[in-house]
């Protein structure tokens, strides 16, 4: 079975690494980004099944970023 591919956007280095390691241990393939510019670059170069976007990150925040992603890929956005 194909692993789901996740893009993780979180600017806190420790939190980013912790989440990434946990998800990889659970069998997901994870690309990590630390700011919105890096995340958007990865989005345009790759296809993801799931996006985990921090809300307050350098550059565009996760909410605005999700809107931009929808222009690129068909995805469901879940927000709190």
Foldseek 3Di string as FASTA:
>chain_A
DDAFEEEEEAQPVVVQVVVCVVVVVVPHHYDYDNALVVSVVVLVVDPGQYYHFAQDGPDHGPVVSVVVSVVVDPHDDDDD
